[in-house]
Amino acid sequence: MSVQPHPSALSVTGLTKDYPGVRAVDDVSFAIAKGAVHCLMGENGAGKSTLVKMITGALQPTRGEMSVAGRSHCPKSTQEARDNGIATLFQELNVVDELTVLENLTLGMERSRFGILMNSEVEARAMQTLSVIEPAIDPAARVSSLSVAQKQIVEIARAASSGADVIIMDEPTAALSEREVERLFGVIRRLRDGGVTVIYISHKLEEIFALGDHVTVLRDGRHIRTCPLSEIDGRAHLIELMIGRSVLHDYHPRDTIGQETILVAEGLSNRLLKNVSFDVKKGEIVGFYGLVGAGKTEIARAIFGADKASGRVRFKGREIGGSPKEAIAAGIALVPEERRTQGLFTALTIRENVSVMNLGKLSKGGVFQPHVERAAAEDYVARLRIATHSIDKHVEKLSGGNQQKVVFAKCLFADAELLLLDEPTRGVDVGAKSEIYDIIRNLADAGNAVAVFSSELEEVLGICDRVFLLFDGAVQDEIVNGAEVDVAHILNVVTGGHEGAVQ
């Protein structure tokens, strides 16, 4: 169908977001046509999430202006953005399984008079919207009985029935099968044909070309280009716009990699992983690089025993995989992506956190030895250069980089020979990143094996000896690091292209 360019459904002018020492979005200006599927593209860290958060009122811009259908749009909250006609669907489903479809459709839009719910008009509009979008879903059904794709459609119907003119969809196909993706695309096209504007965020380039009318590319927080998809000459052109620069590549070959294979994974499969196989040598740093939904975290958790998966994991010649307790006992430690909620006891001190994974080392003859605990904590504070005046400082009061170092200290005190590092430098400043990279290299030089699971290409190319490229839950390619690295090839693979030359 033809896309009407005016008036703009949404426009941003000079939008900027600053954090201390970091400019996440830098003077971005573009407009989104009404009744179009507008794709938002960029590498991890390009500024997409920050931009969306400003549009939806979750963040306030440092400066700049926004407008919706020609009206000023400066929301102070997500509710205010919804009142202005902007709804958002995130990767994490936002439905209540215990309620019916209809109850979910009207949730938050209930009207009452004298304390009595008056929902007939709201319910009628919601049911009419659902019947247009997906008539096969029974409004009386429990949401818990629906598939993931059907739950997403319920969210879409709720947004549309609320009167939203703009619906933002962030990686909506991450957990869907190919058949469910096609069904979702049909729903999106029907919304567009009804005059609703869809802002579609995805790392899967085939989805962009199949669905999009227009595309906006961001890079390093800056606006690179906004144009019709018809003006983009295939995957290679779009990847070139996304990269637009040489990726910093300061890897130096290491001569401390051993010949002994310490870990072998064979055919790991679960709800997301698809026959994942690889090996890691003693003293080696291997990287797993992929975009959102590629399976990085799931591989780490499967090795650690935190998630169940079929297949085999052999560590030092012995098969493991039952539980995190078994993994820790064998000599494997996980530094999780969410350090505050999964990697630390924030209400405890540095001293108490360092020792928590190996309390047996602190006792002799069944008697706890506090001096051993203190000595261990002081040792790791010095070795990892944790900035603190006392080992009795609560970790919640440390900076992000120093919190991450405490998580490393926990793993080292547990005598780990294999460290699984999931996004090891997320949320830390540049100086702390450099120190963490030094820690990783030193660990590997000392004979430990390290697996880095990262969505930052510069990170894996800077410190990893080998890099496994992930897409859609599978290992698609393996890169041996060195002087010649084809970044365009890497981006092509992790966005769903075939191995070999970019098409």
Protein backbone atom coordinates (compact mmCIF):
# COMPACT_ATOMS: atom_id res chain seq x y z
CA MET A 1 0.00 0.00 0.00
CA SER A 2 1.14 3.59 -0.42
CA VAL A 3 2.41 5.25 2.73
CA GLN A 4 1.16 8.76 3.34
CA PRO A 5 4.14 10.89 4.37
CA HIS A 6 2.21 13.69 6.07
CA PRO A 7 1.36 14.48 8.75
CA SER A 8 4.09 12.76 10.74
CA ALA A 9 2.85 10.35 13.36
CA LEU A 10 5.95 11.12 15.44
CA SER A 11 8.90 13.43 15.00
CA VAL A 12 12.01 14.13 17.08
CA THR A 13 14.19 17.22 16.72
CA GLY A 14 17.64 17.62 18.23
CA LEU A 15 16.96 14.89 20.79
CA THR A 16 19.91 14.42 23.14
CA LYS A 17 20.43 12.34 26.28
CA ASP A 18 23.51 12.79 28.45
CA TYR A 19 24.72 10.71 31.36
CA PRO A 20 27.81 11.56 33.42
CA GLY A 21 30.67 11.22 30.97
CA VAL A 22 28.52 9.59 28.27
CA ARG A 23 26.26 10.95 25.50
CA ALA A 24 23.84 8.08 24.75
CA VAL A 25 21.79 9.96 22.13
CA ASP A 26 23.40 12.83 20.25
CA ASP A 27 21.26 15.47 18.49
CA VAL A 28 18.92 13.01 16.74
CA SER A 29 16.27 14.36 14.34
CA PHE A 30 13.88 12.43 12.07
CA ALA A 31 10.18 11.95 11.38
CA ILE A 32 8.00 8.83 11.20
CA ALA A 33 5.16 8.74 8.68
CA LYS A 34 1.60 8.00 9.74
CA GLY A 35 0.30 4.53 8.93
CA ALA A 36 3.72 2.99 8.24
CA VAL A 37 5.93 0.25 9.62
CA HIS A 38 9.05 2.19 10.55
CA CYS A 39 12.09 0.07 11.43
CA LEU A 40 14.68 1.27 13.93
CA MET A 41 18.12 -0.23 13.33
CA GLY A 42 21.57 -0.08 14.88
CA GLU A 43 24.21 -2.17 16.60
CA ASN A 44 24.05 -2.88 20.32
CA GLY A 45 24.77 0.43 22.03
CA ALA A 46 23.65 2.53 19.05
CA GLY A 47 21.12 4.41 21.18
CA LYS A 48 17.87 2.66 20.17
CA SER A 49 16.74 1.77 23.69
CA THR A 50 17.53 5.22 25.08
CA LEU A 51 15.62 6.85 22.23
CA VAL A 52 12.57 4.65 22.80
CA LYS A 53 12.66 5.33 26.54
CA MET A 54 12.53 9.08 25.86
CA ILE A 55 9.65 8.67 23.42
CA THR A 56 7.73 6.59 25.97
CA GLY A 57 8.41 8.87 28.95
CA ALA A 58 10.64 6.40 30.82
CA LEU A 59 13.55 8.85 30.44
CA GLN A 60 13.65 12.61 30.14
CA PRO A 61 15.81 14.06 27.33
CA THR A 62 18.65 16.40 28.17
CA ARG A 63 17.38 18.59 25.35
CA GLY A 64 15.42 18.43 22.14
CA GLU A 65 11.77 18.29 21.15
CA MET A 66 9.23 15.63 20.17
CA SER A 67 5.78 15.85 18.62
CA VAL A 68 2.95 13.40 18.01
CA ALA A 69 0.64 14.15 15.07
CA GLY A 70 1.88 17.74 15.14
CA ARG A 71 1.25 18.20 18.89
CA SER A 72 4.08 18.73 21.36
CA HIS A 73 5.06 15.51 23.10
CA CYS A 74 7.10 15.77 26.29
CA PRO A 75 5.89 12.93 28.53
CA LYS A 76 6.99 12.84 32.15
CA SER A 77 5.88 9.21 32.55
CA THR A 78 4.94 6.16 30.50
CA GLN A 79 1.30 6.75 31.39
CA GLU A 80 1.49 10.24 29.94
CA ALA A 81 2.96 8.79 26.74
CA ARG A 82 0.09 6.29 26.58
CA ASP A 83 -2.35 9.16 27.04
CA ASN A 84 -0.68 10.79 24.02
CA GLY A 85 -1.34 7.68 21.96
CA ILE A 86 1.97 5.79 22.22
CA ALA A 87 2.01 2.16 23.38
CA THR A 88 5.02 -0.13 23.74
CA LEU A 89 5.42 -3.90 23.53
CA PHE A 90 8.64 -5.10 25.11
CA GLN A 91 10.33 -8.49 24.74
CA GLU A 92 9.06 -9.52 28.16
CA LEU A 93 5.35 -10.24 27.93
CA ASN A 94 3.17 -7.94 30.00
CA VAL A 95 0.06 -10.06 30.42
CA VAL A 96 -1.58 -11.65 33.48
CA ASP A 97 -1.86 -15.39 32.94
CA GLU A 98 -4.52 -15.85 35.63
CA LEU A 99 -6.97 -13.48 33.90
CA THR A 100 -9.03 -14.04 30.77
CA VAL A 101 -8.18 -12.53 27.42
CA LEU A 102 -10.95 -9.94 27.80
CA GLU A 103 -9.83 -9.02 31.32
CA ASN A 104 -6.30 -8.48 30.00
CA LEU A 105 -7.61 -6.38 27.12
CA THR A 106 -9.38 -3.99 29.48
CA LEU A 107 -6.79 -4.05 32.28
CA GLY A 108 -5.95 -0.49 33.28
CA MET A 109 -8.80 0.95 31.23
CA GLU A 110 -11.60 0.07 33.63
CA ARG A 111 -14.21 2.75 34.32
CA SER A 112 -16.31 2.98 37.44
CA ARG A 113 -19.16 4.99 38.85
CA PHE A 114 -19.77 5.16 42.59
CA GLY A 115 -17.28 2.31 42.97
CA ILE A 116 -19.08 0.05 40.45
CA LEU A 117 -17.24 -1.03 37.30
CA MET A 118 -18.89 0.24 34.10
CA ASN A 119 -17.02 -1.68 31.43
CA SER A 120 -19.54 -2.38 28.70
CA GLU A 121 -18.19 0.27 26.28
CA VAL A 122 -14.53 -0.57 26.97
CA GLU A 123 -15.18 -4.30 26.63
CA ALA A 124 -17.10 -3.86 23.38
CA ARG A 125 -14.28 -1.83 21.85
CA ALA A 126 -11.66 -4.35 23.02
CA MET A 127 -13.59 -7.31 21.63
CA GLN A 128 -14.14 -5.53 18.32
CA THR A 129 -10.41 -4.79 18.05
CA LEU A 130 -9.49 -8.41 18.84
CA SER A 131 -11.96 -9.75 16.29
CA VAL A 132 -10.35 -7.62 13.58
CA ILE A 133 -6.76 -8.44 14.56
CA GLU A 134 -7.11 -12.15 15.41
CA PRO A 135 -10.67 -13.56 15.53
CA ALA A 136 -9.42 -17.06 16.41
CA ILE A 137 -8.58 -16.01 19.99
CA ASP A 138 -11.48 -16.62 22.43
CA PRO A 139 -12.01 -13.56 24.68
CA ALA A 140 -13.17 -15.88 27.49
CA ALA A 141 -10.03 -18.05 27.40
CA ARG A 142 -7.47 -17.91 30.18
CA VAL A 143 -4.32 -16.21 28.97
CA SER A 144 -2.28 -19.03 30.53
CA SER A 145 -3.72 -21.36 27.87
CA LEU A 146 -2.39 -19.24 24.97
CA SER A 147 0.88 -19.58 23.08
CA VAL A 148 3.58 -16.91 23.32
CA ALA A 149 2.52 -15.54 19.92
CA GLN A 150 -1.14 -15.36 20.96
CA LYS A 151 -0.18 -13.55 24.17
CA GLN A 152 1.70 -10.99 22.08
CA ILE A 153 -1.39 -10.51 19.92
CA VAL A 154 -3.43 -9.89 23.09
CA GLU A 155 -0.93 -7.16 24.03
CA ILE A 156 -1.19 -5.66 20.55
CA ALA A 157 -5.00 -5.73 20.68
CA ARG A 158 -4.93 -4.03 24.09
CA ALA A 159 -2.70 -1.27 22.73
CA ALA A 160 -4.86 -0.81 19.63
CA SER A 161 -8.15 -0.80 21.56
CA SER A 162 -6.76 1.83 23.92
CA GLY A 163 -6.63 4.22 20.98
CA ALA A 164 -2.86 4.10 20.45
CA ASP A 165 -1.82 5.71 17.19
CA VAL A 166 1.81 4.58 17.52
CA ILE A 167 2.81 1.09 18.74
CA ILE A 168 6.48 0.40 19.44
CA MET A 169 7.51 -3.26 19.16
CA ASP A 170 10.91 -4.18 20.62
CA GLU A 171 12.25 -7.50 19.26
CA PRO A 172 8.74 -9.02 19.17
CA THR A 173 9.79 -12.24 17.38
CA ALA A 174 12.62 -13.26 19.73
CA ALA A 175 10.68 -16.22 21.17
CA LEU A 176 8.44 -17.07 18.19
CA SER A 177 8.55 -19.90 15.70
CA GLU A 178 8.71 -19.17 11.97
CA ARG A 179 4.99 -19.87 11.60
CA GLU A 180 4.13 -17.58 14.52
CA VAL A 181 6.31 -14.84 13.05
CA GLU A 182 4.29 -14.91 9.82
CA ARG A 183 1.07 -14.65 11.83
CA LEU A 184 2.44 -11.69 13.76
CA PHE A 185 3.49 -10.00 10.51
CA GLY A 186 -0.08 -10.37 9.27
CA VAL A 187 -1.35 -8.63 12.42
CA ILE A 188 1.16 -5.80 11.98
CA ARG A 189 0.15 -5.29 8.37
CA ARG A 190 -3.53 -5.12 9.36
CA LEU A 191 -2.67 -2.49 11.96
CA ARG A 192 -0.79 -0.47 9.34
CA ASP A 193 -3.67 -0.75 6.90
CA GLY A 194 -5.92 0.60 9.65
CA GLY A 195 -3.79 3.73 10.00
CA VAL A 196 -1.73 2.67 13.04
CA THR A 197 1.98 3.48 12.95
CA VAL A 198 4.31 0.67 14.06
CA ILE A 199 7.88 1.35 15.15
CA TYR A 200 9.60 -2.01 14.73
CA ILE A 201 12.92 -2.82 16.39
CA SER A 202 14.75 -5.99 15.35
CA HIS A 203 18.25 -7.28 14.68
CA LYS A 204 16.95 -9.74 12.10
CA LEU A 205 17.51 -8.06 8.78
CA GLU A 206 15.22 -10.40 6.83
CA GLU A 207 12.34 -9.18 9.01
CA ILE A 208 13.20 -5.56 8.25
CA PHE A 209 13.12 -6.10 4.49
CA ALA A 210 9.97 -8.26 4.66
CA LEU A 211 7.93 -5.90 6.82
CA GLY A 212 9.27 -2.37 6.81
CA ASP A 213 8.19 0.69 4.85
CA HIS A 214 10.86 3.05 6.20
CA VAL A 215 14.04 2.60 8.20
CA THR A 216 16.06 4.78 10.57
CA VAL A 217 19.66 3.79 11.29
CA LEU A 218 21.43 4.94 14.47
CA ARG A 219 25.12 4.57 15.15
CA ASP A 220 26.98 5.54 18.33
CA GLY A 221 23.97 7.56 19.47
CA ARG A 222 23.75 9.57 16.24
CA HIS A 223 21.20 9.61 13.46
CA ILE A 224 22.73 8.21 10.27
CA ARG A 225 19.84 7.96 7.83
CA THR A 226 16.06 7.79 7.53
CA CYS A 227 14.64 6.65 4.20
CA PRO A 228 12.19 4.25 2.53
CA LEU A 229 13.38 0.61 2.58
CA SER A 230 13.19 0.72 -1.20
CA GLU A 231 16.26 2.99 -1.16
CA ILE A 232 18.34 0.42 0.76
CA ASP A 233 20.28 -1.82 -1.64
CA GLY A 234 20.18 -5.11 0.28
CA ARG A 235 21.78 -6.43 3.45
CA ALA A 236 25.30 -5.22 2.67
CA HIS A 237 24.11 -1.62 2.30
CA LEU A 238 22.20 -1.72 5.60
CA ILE A 239 25.13 -3.31 7.43
CA GLU A 240 27.44 -0.64 6.02
CA LEU A 241 25.14 2.06 7.43
CA MET A 242 25.08 0.33 10.81
CA ILE A 243 28.86 -0.10 11.06
CA GLY A 244 30.14 2.94 9.16
CA ARG A 245 33.53 2.74 10.81
CA SER A 246 36.36 0.38 11.56
CA VAL A 247 35.77 -1.54 14.77
CA LEU A 248 38.53 -1.00 17.33
CA HIS A 249 40.55 -4.18 17.26
CA ASP A 250 43.42 -4.18 19.74
CA TYR A 251 43.78 -7.95 20.15
CA HIS A 252 47.29 -9.25 20.68
CA PRO A 253 47.95 -12.97 20.12
CA ARG A 254 48.61 -14.84 23.35
CA ASP A 255 51.17 -17.63 23.75
CA THR A 256 49.76 -19.07 27.00
CA ILE A 257 46.92 -21.10 25.44
CA GLY A 258 47.36 -24.74 26.39
CA GLN A 259 46.81 -27.83 24.27
CA GLU A 260 44.49 -29.45 26.82
CA THR A 261 40.76 -29.14 26.05
CA ILE A 262 39.10 -28.36 29.37
CA LEU A 263 35.44 -28.06 28.28
CA VAL A 264 33.46 -29.80 25.55
CA ALA A 265 29.80 -29.00 24.85
CA GLU A 266 27.93 -31.26 22.45
CA GLY A 267 24.47 -30.68 21.01
CA LEU A 268 23.09 -28.35 23.68
CA SER A 269 19.40 -27.80 22.93
CA ASN A 270 16.40 -26.38 24.77
CA ARG A 271 13.58 -23.94 24.05
CA LEU A 272 16.05 -21.53 22.43
CA LEU A 273 19.35 -23.33 21.90
CA LYS A 274 19.72 -25.45 18.77
CA ASN A 275 22.40 -28.14 18.77
CA VAL A 276 25.16 -25.92 20.17
CA SER A 277 28.60 -27.55 20.19
CA PHE A 278 32.05 -26.10 20.95
CA ASP A 279 35.19 -26.64 23.02
CA VAL A 280 37.42 -24.47 25.21
CA LYS A 281 41.12 -25.04 25.90
CA LYS A 282 42.97 -24.44 29.13
CA GLY A 283 44.30 -20.88 29.23
CA GLU A 284 42.05 -19.78 26.35
CA ILE A 285 39.62 -16.86 26.15
CA VAL A 286 36.69 -17.71 23.89
CA GLY A 287 33.93 -15.28 22.97
CA PHE A 288 30.28 -15.79 22.13
CA TYR A 289 28.96 -12.86 20.15
CA GLY A 290 25.39 -12.29 19.03
CA LEU A 291 22.58 -9.79 19.15
CA VAL A 292 19.39 -9.83 21.23
CA GLY A 293 17.83 -13.29 21.41
CA ALA A 294 20.84 -15.05 19.89
CA GLY A 295 21.29 -17.35 22.90
CA LYS A 296 24.41 -16.01 24.65
CA THR A 297 23.02 -16.08 28.17
CA GLU A 298 21.24 -19.39 27.58
CA ILE A 299 24.52 -21.10 26.62
CA ALA A 300 26.23 -19.81 29.77
CA ARG A 301 23.33 -20.92 31.97
CA ALA A 302 23.15 -24.35 30.31
CA ILE A 303 26.86 -24.98 30.97
CA PHE A 304 26.47 -23.80 34.56
CA GLY A 305 23.42 -26.03 35.11
CA ALA A 306 21.10 -23.11 35.83
CA ASP A 307 18.94 -24.01 32.80
CA LYS A 308 18.11 -27.51 31.65
CA ALA A 309 19.28 -28.54 28.19
CA SER A 310 19.67 -31.77 26.32
CA GLY A 311 23.11 -32.70 25.02
CA ARG A 312 26.35 -33.19 26.93
CA VAL A 313 28.80 -30.99 28.81
CA ARG A 314 32.17 -32.53 29.75
CA PHE A 315 34.53 -30.60 32.00
CA LYS A 316 38.05 -31.95 32.53
CA GLY A 317 36.89 -35.23 31.02
CA ARG A 318 33.89 -35.71 33.32
CA GLU A 319 30.28 -35.18 32.31
CA ILE A 320 28.43 -32.52 34.31
CA GLY A 321 25.28 -30.45 33.93
CA GLY A 322 23.01 -31.27 36.82
CA SER A 323 23.01 -28.03 38.81
CA PRO A 324 25.00 -24.90 39.66
CA LYS A 325 26.13 -26.65 42.85
CA GLU A 326 27.70 -29.43 40.76
CA ALA A 327 29.29 -26.89 38.40
CA ILE A 328 30.83 -24.88 41.26
CA ALA A 329 32.17 -28.07 42.87
CA ALA A 330 33.74 -29.06 39.54
CA GLY A 331 35.47 -25.69 39.18
CA ILE A 332 33.08 -23.64 37.02
CA ALA A 333 31.80 -20.20 38.05
CA LEU A 334 29.31 -17.86 36.38
CA VAL A 335 29.47 -14.07 36.44
CA PRO A 336 25.84 -13.32 35.51
CA GLU A 337 24.57 -10.52 33.31
CA GLU A 338 22.52 -9.00 36.16
CA ARG A 339 25.16 -8.64 38.83
CA ARG A 340 23.01 -6.76 41.35
CA THR A 341 20.15 -9.26 41.37
CA GLN A 342 21.97 -12.49 40.49
CA GLY A 343 25.64 -12.03 41.27
CA LEU A 344 25.77 -10.18 44.58
CA PHE A 345 24.19 -10.00 47.99
CA THR A 346 23.94 -6.23 47.98
CA ALA A 347 22.97 -6.02 51.66
CA LEU A 348 26.20 -7.80 52.63
CA THR A 349 29.74 -6.45 52.80
CA ILE A 350 32.60 -7.01 50.39
CA ARG A 351 34.10 -9.46 52.88
CA GLU A 352 30.90 -11.49 53.13
CA ASN A 353 30.34 -11.56 49.36
CA VAL A 354 33.85 -12.72 48.48
CA SER A 355 33.61 -15.88 50.57
CA VAL A 356 29.99 -16.88 49.98
CA MET A 357 30.65 -19.41 47.18
CA ASN A 358 33.24 -21.41 49.16
CA LEU A 359 32.46 -21.22 52.86
CA GLY A 360 34.23 -24.53 53.42
CA LYS A 361 37.58 -22.77 53.02
CA LEU A 362 36.78 -20.62 56.04
CA SER A 363 36.47 -23.41 58.59
CA LYS A 364 38.85 -25.83 60.21
CA GLY A 365 37.56 -28.84 62.09
CA GLY A 366 34.06 -27.38 61.75
CA VAL A 367 35.08 -24.10 63.40
CA PHE A 368 34.65 -20.85 61.44
CA GLN A 369 37.82 -18.80 61.09
CA PRO A 370 36.99 -15.11 60.62
CA HIS A 371 40.65 -14.18 60.12
CA VAL A 372 40.77 -16.38 57.01
CA GLU A 373 37.70 -14.62 55.61
CA ARG A 374 39.23 -11.21 56.26
CA ALA A 375 42.57 -12.17 54.76
CA ALA A 376 40.89 -13.51 51.60
CA ALA A 377 38.80 -10.38 51.16
CA GLU A 378 41.80 -8.08 51.67
CA ASP A 379 43.82 -10.15 49.20
CA TYR A 380 41.22 -9.87 46.43
CA VAL A 381 40.58 -6.18 47.09
CA ALA A 382 44.29 -5.60 46.50
CA ARG A 383 44.67 -7.99 43.53
CA LEU A 384 41.61 -6.72 41.68
CA ARG A 385 42.10 -3.11 42.75
CA ILE A 386 38.62 -2.79 44.22
CA ALA A 387 38.23 0.86 45.23
CA THR A 388 37.11 0.85 48.85
CA HIS A 389 38.30 2.12 52.21
CA SER A 390 37.19 -1.08 53.96
CA ILE A 391 36.32 -4.71 53.21
CA ASP A 392 33.32 -4.17 55.50
CA LYS A 393 31.75 -1.71 53.08
CA HIS A 394 28.38 -2.87 51.74
CA VAL A 395 28.61 -3.71 48.04
CA GLU A 396 25.46 -1.72 47.23
CA LYS A 397 27.53 1.40 47.91
CA LEU A 398 30.22 0.52 45.34
CA SER A 399 30.34 1.72 41.75
CA GLY A 400 29.23 -0.64 39.00
CA GLY A 401 32.79 -1.50 38.01
CA ASN A 402 33.81 -2.28 41.58
CA GLN A 403 30.68 -4.37 42.12
CA GLN A 404 31.68 -6.41 39.08
CA LYS A 405 35.15 -6.91 40.54
CA VAL A 406 33.57 -8.29 43.73
CA VAL A 407 31.68 -10.83 41.60
CA PHE A 408 35.02 -11.82 40.02
CA ALA A 409 36.53 -12.15 43.49
CA LYS A 410 33.72 -14.52 44.52
CA CYS A 411 34.43 -16.75 41.54
CA LEU A 412 38.18 -16.78 42.12
CA PHE A 413 37.76 -17.62 45.81
CA ALA A 414 35.62 -20.56 44.69
CA ASP A 415 38.74 -21.91 42.90
CA ALA A 416 37.11 -21.72 39.48
CA GLU A 417 39.15 -23.06 36.56
CA LEU A 418 36.53 -21.98 34.02
CA LEU A 419 34.85 -18.59 34.30
CA LEU A 420 31.66 -17.90 32.35
CA LEU A 421 31.38 -14.12 31.99
CA ASP A 422 27.97 -12.91 30.79
CA GLU A 423 28.25 -9.26 29.65
CA PRO A 424 31.21 -8.71 32.01
CA THR A 425 31.51 -4.94 31.43
CA ARG A 426 27.87 -3.91 31.06
CA GLY A 427 27.16 -0.69 32.93
CA VAL A 428 30.76 0.06 33.91
CA ASP A 429 32.83 3.05 32.89
CA VAL A 430 35.71 3.03 30.42
CA GLY A 431 38.40 2.88 33.10
CA ALA A 432 36.77 -0.05 34.88
CA LYS A 433 36.35 -1.83 31.54
CA SER A 434 40.09 -1.66 30.90
CA GLU A 435 40.82 -3.04 34.37
CA ILE A 436 38.32 -5.89 33.90
CA TYR A 437 39.93 -6.79 30.56
CA ASP A 438 43.31 -6.93 32.31
CA ILE A 439 41.82 -9.24 34.95
CA ILE A 440 40.44 -11.54 32.24
CA ARG A 441 43.78 -11.71 30.41
CA ASN A 442 45.67 -12.34 33.66
CA LEU A 443 43.29 -15.15 34.59
CA ALA A 444 43.82 -16.83 31.23
CA ASP A 445 47.59 -16.32 31.37
CA ALA A 446 47.53 -18.11 34.75
CA GLY A 447 45.96 -21.17 33.08
CA ASN A 448 42.27 -20.56 33.67
CA ALA A 449 39.80 -20.87 30.81
CA VAL A 450 37.45 -17.94 30.22
CA ALA A 451 34.27 -17.76 28.15
CA VAL A 452 33.01 -14.24 27.43
CA PHE A 453 29.36 -13.89 26.38
CA SER A 454 29.00 -10.38 25.00
CA SER A 455 26.85 -8.21 22.76
CA GLU A 456 29.77 -5.80 22.23
CA LEU A 457 31.77 -6.65 19.11
CA GLU A 458 34.74 -4.51 20.10
CA GLU A 459 34.88 -6.37 23.41
CA VAL A 460 35.11 -9.88 21.97
CA LEU A 461 37.51 -8.81 19.22
CA GLY A 462 39.71 -7.04 21.76
CA ILE A 463 40.22 -9.87 24.27
CA CYS A 464 39.08 -13.23 22.83
CA ASP A 465 41.30 -15.76 21.08
CA ARG A 466 38.36 -17.36 19.27
CA VAL A 467 34.83 -16.04 18.74
CA PHE A 468 31.69 -18.09 18.12
CA LEU A 469 29.06 -16.19 16.16
CA LEU A 470 25.47 -16.79 17.27
CA PHE A 471 22.11 -16.31 15.61
CA ASP A 472 18.70 -17.67 16.58
CA GLY A 473 20.04 -20.02 19.25
CA ALA A 474 22.74 -21.67 17.13
CA VAL A 475 26.48 -21.32 16.51
CA GLN A 476 26.66 -20.09 12.91
CA ASP A 477 30.40 -19.58 12.51
CA GLU A 478 33.72 -19.56 14.36
CA ILE A 479 36.33 -16.78 14.01
CA VAL A 480 39.97 -17.25 14.95
CA ASN A 481 41.07 -13.82 16.12
CA GLY A 482 44.02 -12.10 14.55
CA ALA A 483 45.05 -9.23 12.30
CA GLU A 484 42.51 -9.93 9.55
CA VAL A 485 38.94 -9.79 10.81
CA ASP A 486 36.04 -9.20 8.43
CA VAL A 487 33.61 -7.14 10.52
CA ALA A 488 31.02 -6.97 7.72
CA HIS A 489 31.01 -10.78 7.58
CA ILE A 490 30.51 -10.96 11.35
CA LEU A 491 27.55 -8.56 11.24
CA ASN A 492 26.09 -10.45 8.29
CA VAL A 493 26.20 -13.75 10.19
CA VAL A 494 24.75 -12.47 13.48
CA THR A 495 21.88 -10.70 11.70
CA GLY A 496 20.76 -13.87 9.97
CA GLY A 497 22.82 -13.89 6.77
CA HIS A 498 24.50 -17.00 5.47
CA GLU A 499 28.16 -17.74 6.05
CA GLY A 500 30.45 -16.36 3.38
CA ALA A 501 30.26 -13.06 1.54
CA VAL A 502 27.65 -10.49 2.45
CA GLN A 503 24.84 -10.58 -0.09
